[in-house]
Every structure is written in C-alpha cells, then in structure tokens.
Amino acid sequence: MGMIQEFKEFAVRGNVVDMAVGIIIGAAFGKIVSSLVADVIMPPIGLILGGVDFSNLALTIKAAVGDSPAITVKYGKFIQTVVDFTIISFSIFILVKGINSLKKKEEEAPKPEEPSKQELLLTEIRDLLKDGK
C-alpha cells in the first residue's frame, strides 16, 4: 500500500501536472508550427526558389535488382529537414521576440510614485491637526 500512496503523491504533485500540461500544449503547438511552415511559409519560398524540392535528391549506392530496392543515401531529405528546422527556429524566435516585447511594454508602464518619507510624515501631521490632537 505504501508504494501506491507514494505514486499518488508523486502524480498529483504540482510539478508533474505542470509538466504534463506543458507537454500537451507543446505537442499542439508543434502541429501549429508544422502547419505554418508547410502551408504558409514554404509555398512562397518554393515559388521564389523555382519549386525546388530537396527531398527528392539522393545518391544511389546500389541499383535496384529484381525485387530488392535500390540502396540510396537520401541527402535531400536531410537538407529539407535542415531548411524546415531553420524556418521553424526563426518563426519561433520571431514569436518569442514579439511576446517579450509585449511583456517589456507591460513592465515599462508608468507606476504611480509612492510618497516620500517626508510627505508621509507631513500627511500624518496634517491629519493629526485636523483631528485636533
């Protein structure tokens, strides 16, 4: 029974729940970023590059013989993955930079000045004089 109790305490601890929420949101955000890259960013880049698709580039080490497929080094897929990573990284950088600038504007908002010690003392004296003490 002790091990079950320990597991309950572990599972409902705040850090574990926060981590689980972070992983779930991260997976969902990953889908958003993948769609952004594949559906929004890559089409214009493909148009600019003349429709170049790196993923089809490969070096054939051994040609296909009969039923056995060809042995190839698919360096084009690697290049495409590097391009995708670069675009995703840059997109996330821009997103984080935007969020940080919004936070910075919040922090820079003017805060009301607190009265000095002298002003507090004078206010206290004024209030005492009003009360007639």
N, C-alpha and C. Protein backbone atom coordinates (compact mmCIF):
# COMPACT_ATOMS: atom_id res chain seq x y z
N MET A 1 0.83 -1.20 0.00
CA MET A 1 0.00 0.00 0.00
C MET A 1 0.87 1.26 0.00
N GLY A 2 2.07 1.20 0.56
CA GLY A 2 2.94 2.37 0.64
C GLY A 2 3.36 2.87 -0.73
N MET A 3 3.62 1.95 -1.65
CA MET A 3 4.06 2.35 -2.99
C MET A 3 2.94 3.06 -3.74
N ILE A 4 1.70 2.60 -3.58
CA ILE A 4 0.55 3.25 -4.23
C ILE A 4 0.37 4.66 -3.69
N GLN A 5 0.52 4.82 -2.38
CA GLN A 5 0.39 6.14 -1.76
C GLN A 5 1.49 7.09 -2.27
N GLU A 6 2.71 6.58 -2.38
CA GLU A 6 3.81 7.40 -2.90
C GLU A 6 3.54 7.82 -4.33
N PHE A 7 3.00 6.88 -5.14
CA PHE A 7 2.69 7.20 -6.53
C PHE A 7 1.61 8.28 -6.61
N LYS A 8 0.58 8.18 -5.75
CA LYS A 8 -0.47 9.20 -5.73
C LYS A 8 0.12 10.57 -5.44
N GLU A 9 0.98 10.62 -4.42
CA GLU A 9 1.61 11.90 -4.05
C GLU A 9 2.45 12.44 -5.20
N PHE A 10 3.17 11.54 -5.87
CA PHE A 10 4.01 11.95 -6.99
C PHE A 10 3.16 12.46 -8.15
N ALA A 11 2.08 11.74 -8.48
CA ALA A 11 1.26 12.06 -9.64
C ALA A 11 0.49 13.36 -9.48
N VAL A 12 0.08 13.69 -8.28
CA VAL A 12 -0.71 14.90 -8.09
C VAL A 12 0.14 16.09 -7.65
N ARG A 13 1.43 15.89 -7.55
CA ARG A 13 2.32 17.00 -7.21
C ARG A 13 2.26 18.03 -8.32
N GLY A 14 2.33 19.29 -7.99
CA GLY A 14 2.17 20.38 -8.96
C GLY A 14 3.12 20.31 -10.14
N ASN A 15 4.37 19.95 -9.89
CA ASN A 15 5.36 19.93 -10.97
C ASN A 15 5.00 18.92 -12.05
N VAL A 16 4.52 17.76 -11.65
CA VAL A 16 4.18 16.72 -12.62
C VAL A 16 2.99 17.17 -13.47
N VAL A 17 2.00 17.74 -12.85
CA VAL A 17 0.83 18.21 -13.59
C VAL A 17 1.24 19.34 -14.53
N ASP A 18 2.05 20.28 -14.06
CA ASP A 18 2.52 21.37 -14.92
C ASP A 18 3.30 20.83 -16.10
N MET A 19 4.15 19.84 -15.85
CA MET A 19 4.94 19.25 -16.92
C MET A 19 4.03 18.58 -17.95
N ALA A 20 3.03 17.86 -17.49
CA ALA A 20 2.10 17.18 -18.41
C ALA A 20 1.36 18.20 -19.26
N VAL A 21 0.90 19.27 -18.65
CA VAL A 21 0.20 20.32 -19.40
C VAL A 21 1.15 20.93 -20.42
N GLY A 22 2.40 21.17 -20.02
CA GLY A 22 3.39 21.73 -20.95
C GLY A 22 3.65 20.82 -22.14
N ILE A 23 3.73 19.52 -21.89
CA ILE A 23 3.97 18.57 -22.98
C ILE A 23 2.79 18.55 -23.94
N ILE A 24 1.58 18.55 -23.41
CA ILE A 24 0.38 18.52 -24.25
C ILE A 24 0.28 19.79 -25.08
N ILE A 25 0.50 20.93 -24.45
CA ILE A 25 0.45 22.20 -25.19
C ILE A 25 1.58 22.27 -26.20
N GLY A 26 2.77 21.75 -25.83
CA GLY A 26 3.90 21.73 -26.75
C GLY A 26 3.62 20.90 -27.98
N ALA A 27 2.96 19.74 -27.79
CA ALA A 27 2.62 18.90 -28.94
C ALA A 27 1.63 19.61 -29.86
N ALA A 28 0.64 20.26 -29.26
CA ALA A 28 -0.33 21.01 -30.06
C ALA A 28 0.34 22.18 -30.78
N PHE A 29 1.24 22.85 -30.09
CA PHE A 29 1.94 23.98 -30.69
C PHE A 29 2.84 23.50 -31.82
N GLY A 30 3.41 22.30 -31.66
CA GLY A 30 4.24 21.72 -32.72
C GLY A 30 3.44 21.53 -34.00
N LYS A 31 2.19 21.11 -33.87
CA LYS A 31 1.34 20.94 -35.05
C LYS A 31 1.07 22.29 -35.71
N ILE A 32 0.86 23.32 -34.89
CA ILE A 32 0.62 24.66 -35.43
C ILE A 32 1.84 25.15 -36.20
N VAL A 33 3.02 24.97 -35.60
CA VAL A 33 4.25 25.43 -36.25
C VAL A 33 4.51 24.63 -37.53
N SER A 34 4.27 23.32 -37.50
CA SER A 34 4.46 22.50 -38.70
C SER A 34 3.53 22.97 -39.82
N SER A 35 2.28 23.27 -39.48
CA SER A 35 1.34 23.77 -40.48
C SER A 35 1.78 25.13 -40.99
N LEU A 36 2.26 25.99 -40.10
CA LEU A 36 2.74 27.30 -40.51
C LEU A 36 3.86 27.16 -41.53
N VAL A 37 4.80 26.27 -41.25
CA VAL A 37 5.92 26.08 -42.17
C VAL A 37 5.46 25.46 -43.48
N ALA A 38 4.72 24.35 -43.39
CA ALA A 38 4.34 23.61 -44.60
C ALA A 38 3.31 24.34 -45.45
N ASP A 39 2.35 25.01 -44.81
CA ASP A 39 1.21 25.56 -45.55
C ASP A 39 1.30 27.06 -45.83
N VAL A 40 2.09 27.78 -45.02
CA VAL A 40 2.13 29.24 -45.18
C VAL A 40 3.50 29.73 -45.65
N ILE A 41 4.56 29.24 -45.02
CA ILE A 41 5.89 29.78 -45.31
C ILE A 41 6.54 29.10 -46.52
N MET A 42 6.46 27.77 -46.62
CA MET A 42 7.15 27.06 -47.69
C MET A 42 6.61 27.34 -49.10
N PRO A 43 5.29 27.49 -49.31
CA PRO A 43 4.84 27.77 -50.68
C PRO A 43 5.48 29.02 -51.31
N PRO A 44 5.53 30.17 -50.60
CA PRO A 44 6.21 31.32 -51.22
C PRO A 44 7.71 31.09 -51.42
N ILE A 45 8.34 30.39 -50.47
CA ILE A 45 9.77 30.10 -50.64
C ILE A 45 9.98 29.18 -51.82
N GLY A 46 9.10 28.17 -51.98
CA GLY A 46 9.18 27.29 -53.13
C GLY A 46 9.01 28.04 -54.44
N LEU A 47 8.11 29.03 -54.43
CA LEU A 47 7.88 29.85 -55.62
C LEU A 47 9.13 30.66 -55.94
N ILE A 48 9.74 31.23 -54.92
CA ILE A 48 10.95 32.04 -55.10
C ILE A 48 12.10 31.18 -55.63
N LEU A 49 12.22 29.97 -55.07
CA LEU A 49 13.31 29.07 -55.48
C LEU A 49 13.00 28.30 -56.76
N GLY A 50 11.86 28.55 -57.35
CA GLY A 50 11.51 27.89 -58.60
C GLY A 50 10.99 26.48 -58.39
N GLY A 51 10.36 26.23 -57.25
CA GLY A 51 9.77 24.92 -56.99
C GLY A 51 10.77 23.84 -56.63
N VAL A 52 11.95 24.22 -56.16
CA VAL A 52 12.97 23.24 -55.80
C VAL A 52 12.50 22.45 -54.59
N ASP A 53 12.56 21.13 -54.73
CA ASP A 53 12.22 20.24 -53.62
C ASP A 53 13.44 19.39 -53.34
N PHE A 54 14.11 19.68 -52.23
CA PHE A 54 15.34 18.98 -51.89
C PHE A 54 15.11 17.51 -51.54
N SER A 55 13.90 17.18 -51.09
CA SER A 55 13.66 15.84 -50.56
C SER A 55 13.83 14.73 -51.60
N ASN A 56 13.83 15.05 -52.89
CA ASN A 56 13.99 14.03 -53.93
C ASN A 56 15.46 13.76 -54.27
N LEU A 57 16.38 14.56 -53.75
CA LEU A 57 17.79 14.36 -54.06
C LEU A 57 18.32 13.15 -53.30
N ALA A 58 19.05 12.28 -54.02
CA ALA A 58 19.59 11.07 -53.39
C ALA A 58 20.80 10.59 -54.19
N LEU A 59 21.65 9.86 -53.52
CA LEU A 59 22.81 9.25 -54.14
C LEU A 59 22.60 7.74 -54.11
N THR A 60 22.57 7.12 -55.26
CA THR A 60 22.32 5.68 -55.33
C THR A 60 23.64 4.94 -55.13
N ILE A 61 23.68 4.12 -54.09
CA ILE A 61 24.87 3.32 -53.79
C ILE A 61 24.81 2.01 -54.57
N LYS A 62 23.63 1.41 -54.57
CA LYS A 62 23.46 0.14 -55.29
C LYS A 62 22.10 0.19 -55.99
N ALA A 63 22.08 -0.06 -57.26
CA ALA A 63 20.84 -0.01 -58.04
C ALA A 63 19.91 -1.14 -57.64
N ALA A 64 18.64 -0.94 -57.91
CA ALA A 64 17.64 -1.97 -57.61
C ALA A 64 17.88 -3.18 -58.49
N VAL A 65 17.79 -4.36 -57.85
CA VAL A 65 17.98 -5.61 -58.59
C VAL A 65 16.79 -6.50 -58.28
N GLY A 66 16.01 -6.81 -59.27
CA GLY A 66 14.85 -7.68 -59.07
C GLY A 66 13.86 -7.06 -58.09
N ASP A 67 13.57 -7.85 -57.04
CA ASP A 67 12.63 -7.38 -56.02
C ASP A 67 13.28 -6.52 -54.95
N SER A 68 14.59 -6.52 -54.86
CA SER A 68 15.26 -5.74 -53.81
C SER A 68 15.36 -4.28 -54.25
N PRO A 69 14.99 -3.39 -53.36
CA PRO A 69 15.01 -1.96 -53.72
C PRO A 69 16.44 -1.42 -53.79
N ALA A 70 16.56 -0.26 -54.41
CA ALA A 70 17.87 0.39 -54.51
C ALA A 70 18.30 0.88 -53.13
N ILE A 71 19.61 0.89 -52.91
CA ILE A 71 20.16 1.43 -51.67
C ILE A 71 20.62 2.84 -51.98
N THR A 72 20.02 3.80 -51.29
CA THR A 72 20.32 5.21 -51.58
C THR A 72 20.62 5.98 -50.31
N VAL A 73 21.43 7.00 -50.46
CA VAL A 73 21.67 7.98 -49.39
C VAL A 73 20.79 9.17 -49.73
N LYS A 74 19.78 9.39 -48.94
CA LYS A 74 18.79 10.43 -49.24
C LYS A 74 19.20 11.75 -48.57
N TYR A 75 20.26 12.34 -49.09
CA TYR A 75 20.77 13.58 -48.51
C TYR A 75 19.81 14.74 -48.74
N GLY A 76 18.96 14.63 -49.71
CA GLY A 76 17.97 15.68 -49.98
C GLY A 76 16.98 15.83 -48.85
N LYS A 77 16.54 14.71 -48.27
CA LYS A 77 15.63 14.77 -47.13
C LYS A 77 16.30 15.45 -45.95
N PHE A 78 17.61 15.18 -45.77
CA PHE A 78 18.36 15.83 -44.70
C PHE A 78 18.42 17.34 -44.93
N ILE A 79 18.71 17.74 -46.16
CA ILE A 79 18.75 19.18 -46.49
C ILE A 79 17.39 19.81 -46.24
N GLN A 80 16.32 19.13 -46.66
CA GLN A 80 14.96 19.65 -46.45
C GLN A 80 14.65 19.78 -44.96
N THR A 81 15.08 18.80 -44.17
CA THR A 81 14.86 18.86 -42.72
C THR A 81 15.61 20.02 -42.10
N VAL A 82 16.84 20.27 -42.56
CA VAL A 82 17.62 21.41 -42.06
C VAL A 82 16.93 22.72 -42.43
N VAL A 83 16.42 22.82 -43.65
CA VAL A 83 15.70 24.03 -44.07
C VAL A 83 14.45 24.22 -43.22
N ASP A 84 13.69 23.13 -43.02
CA ASP A 84 12.49 23.20 -42.18
C ASP A 84 12.84 23.64 -40.76
N PHE A 85 13.91 23.05 -40.20
CA PHE A 85 14.34 23.41 -38.85
C PHE A 85 14.70 24.88 -38.77
N THR A 86 15.42 25.38 -39.76
CA THR A 86 15.81 26.79 -39.77
C THR A 86 14.59 27.69 -39.81
N ILE A 87 13.63 27.35 -40.64
CA ILE A 87 12.42 28.16 -40.74
C ILE A 87 11.63 28.09 -39.43
N ILE A 88 11.49 26.90 -38.87
CA ILE A 88 10.76 26.75 -37.60
C ILE A 88 11.46 27.54 -36.50
N SER A 89 12.79 27.41 -36.43
CA SER A 89 13.54 28.13 -35.40
C SER A 89 13.36 29.63 -35.53
N PHE A 90 13.45 30.13 -36.76
CA PHE A 90 13.29 31.56 -36.98
C PHE A 90 11.87 32.01 -36.64
N SER A 91 10.88 31.19 -37.00
CA SER A 91 9.49 31.53 -36.69
C SER A 91 9.27 31.61 -35.18
N ILE A 92 9.80 30.63 -34.46
CA ILE A 92 9.67 30.64 -33.00
C ILE A 92 10.42 31.83 -32.41
N PHE A 93 11.60 32.14 -32.96
CA PHE A 93 12.36 33.30 -32.49
C PHE A 93 11.54 34.58 -32.63
N ILE A 94 10.91 34.76 -33.80
CA ILE A 94 10.08 35.96 -34.02
C ILE A 94 8.91 35.98 -33.05
N LEU A 95 8.28 34.83 -32.84
CA LEU A 95 7.15 34.73 -31.91
C LEU A 95 7.57 35.09 -30.49
N VAL A 96 8.66 34.51 -30.02
CA VAL A 96 9.15 34.79 -28.66
C VAL A 96 9.57 36.25 -28.54
N LYS A 97 10.20 36.77 -29.58
CA LYS A 97 10.61 38.18 -29.55
C LYS A 97 9.39 39.09 -29.42
N GLY A 98 8.31 38.76 -30.15
CA GLY A 98 7.07 39.54 -30.04
C GLY A 98 6.46 39.46 -28.66
N ILE A 99 6.43 38.27 -28.09
CA ILE A 99 5.88 38.09 -26.74
C ILE A 99 6.73 38.86 -25.73
N ASN A 100 8.05 38.78 -25.87
CA ASN A 100 8.93 39.50 -24.94
C ASN A 100 8.75 41.01 -25.05
N SER A 101 8.52 41.52 -26.26
CA SER A 101 8.32 42.96 -26.41
C SER A 101 7.00 43.38 -25.75
N LEU A 102 5.96 42.52 -25.83
CA LEU A 102 4.71 42.83 -25.15
C LEU A 102 4.90 42.84 -23.63
N LYS A 103 5.67 41.89 -23.11
CA LYS A 103 5.94 41.84 -21.67
C LYS A 103 6.74 43.07 -21.25
N LYS A 104 7.69 43.47 -22.10
CA LYS A 104 8.53 44.62 -21.78
C LYS A 104 7.67 45.89 -21.71
N LYS A 105 6.70 46.02 -22.63
CA LYS A 105 5.81 47.18 -22.60
C LYS A 105 4.98 47.18 -21.33
N GLU A 106 4.55 46.00 -20.87
CA GLU A 106 3.80 45.91 -19.62
C GLU A 106 4.65 46.37 -18.45
N GLU A 107 5.92 45.93 -18.43
CA GLU A 107 6.81 46.28 -17.34
C GLU A 107 7.16 47.77 -17.35
N GLU A 108 7.21 48.36 -18.55
CA GLU A 108 7.57 49.76 -18.66
C GLU A 108 6.41 50.71 -18.38
N ALA A 109 5.22 50.18 -18.18
CA ALA A 109 4.07 51.03 -17.90
C ALA A 109 4.36 51.86 -16.65
N PRO A 110 4.01 53.15 -16.69
CA PRO A 110 4.33 54.01 -15.54
C PRO A 110 3.60 53.54 -14.28
N LYS A 111 4.38 53.44 -13.23
CA LYS A 111 3.82 53.04 -11.94
C LYS A 111 3.62 54.30 -11.11
N PRO A 112 2.56 54.33 -10.34
CA PRO A 112 2.36 55.52 -9.50
C PRO A 112 3.50 55.63 -8.48
N GLU A 113 3.96 56.87 -8.33
CA GLU A 113 5.06 57.10 -7.40
C GLU A 113 4.55 57.04 -5.97
N GLU A 114 5.34 56.41 -5.13
CA GLU A 114 4.99 56.36 -3.72
C GLU A 114 5.49 57.65 -3.08
N PRO A 115 4.72 58.17 -2.12
CA PRO A 115 5.15 59.41 -1.48
C PRO A 115 6.44 59.19 -0.68
N SER A 116 7.24 60.26 -0.61
CA SER A 116 8.49 60.16 0.15
C SER A 116 8.19 60.10 1.64
N LYS A 117 9.21 59.80 2.43
CA LYS A 117 9.03 59.73 3.88
C LYS A 117 8.60 61.09 4.43
N GLN A 118 9.13 62.15 3.86
CA GLN A 118 8.79 63.49 4.31
C GLN A 118 7.31 63.79 4.03
N GLU A 119 6.84 63.40 2.84
CA GLU A 119 5.43 63.62 2.51
C GLU A 119 4.51 62.80 3.41
N LEU A 120 4.91 61.56 3.70
CA LEU A 120 4.12 60.73 4.61
C LEU A 120 4.04 61.37 6.00
N LEU A 121 5.17 61.87 6.48
CA LEU A 121 5.20 62.50 7.80
C LEU A 121 4.33 63.76 7.83
N LEU A 122 4.43 64.58 6.78
CA LEU A 122 3.61 65.79 6.71
C LEU A 122 2.13 65.46 6.63
N THR A 123 1.78 64.41 5.89
CA THR A 123 0.39 63.98 5.80
C THR A 123 -0.11 63.53 7.16
N GLU A 124 0.72 62.80 7.88
CA GLU A 124 0.34 62.34 9.22
C GLU A 124 0.14 63.52 10.16
N ILE A 125 1.02 64.52 10.10
CA ILE A 125 0.89 65.71 10.95
C ILE A 125 -0.39 66.46 10.59
N ARG A 126 -0.66 66.61 9.29
CA ARG A 126 -1.88 67.28 8.85
C ARG A 126 -3.12 66.58 9.39
N ASP A 127 -3.14 65.26 9.31
CA ASP A 127 -4.28 64.51 9.78
C ASP A 127 -4.46 64.65 11.27
N LEU A 128 -3.35 64.70 12.00
CA LEU A 128 -3.44 64.88 13.46
C LEU A 128 -3.96 66.26 13.80
N LEU A 129 -3.54 67.29 13.04
CA LEU A 129 -4.03 68.64 13.28
C LEU A 129 -5.51 68.76 12.98
N LYS A 130 -5.97 68.07 11.95
CA LYS A 130 -7.39 68.09 11.62
C LYS A 130 -8.23 67.47 12.73
N ASP A 131 -7.69 66.40 13.31
CA ASP A 131 -8.42 65.70 14.36
C ASP A 131 -8.38 66.47 15.68
N GLY A 132 -7.51 67.46 15.77
CA GLY A 132 -7.42 68.28 16.98
C GLY A 132 -6.61 67.63 18.08
N LYS A 133 -5.71 66.79 17.78
CA LYS A 133 -4.90 66.12 18.80
C LYS A 133 -3.64 66.84 19.06
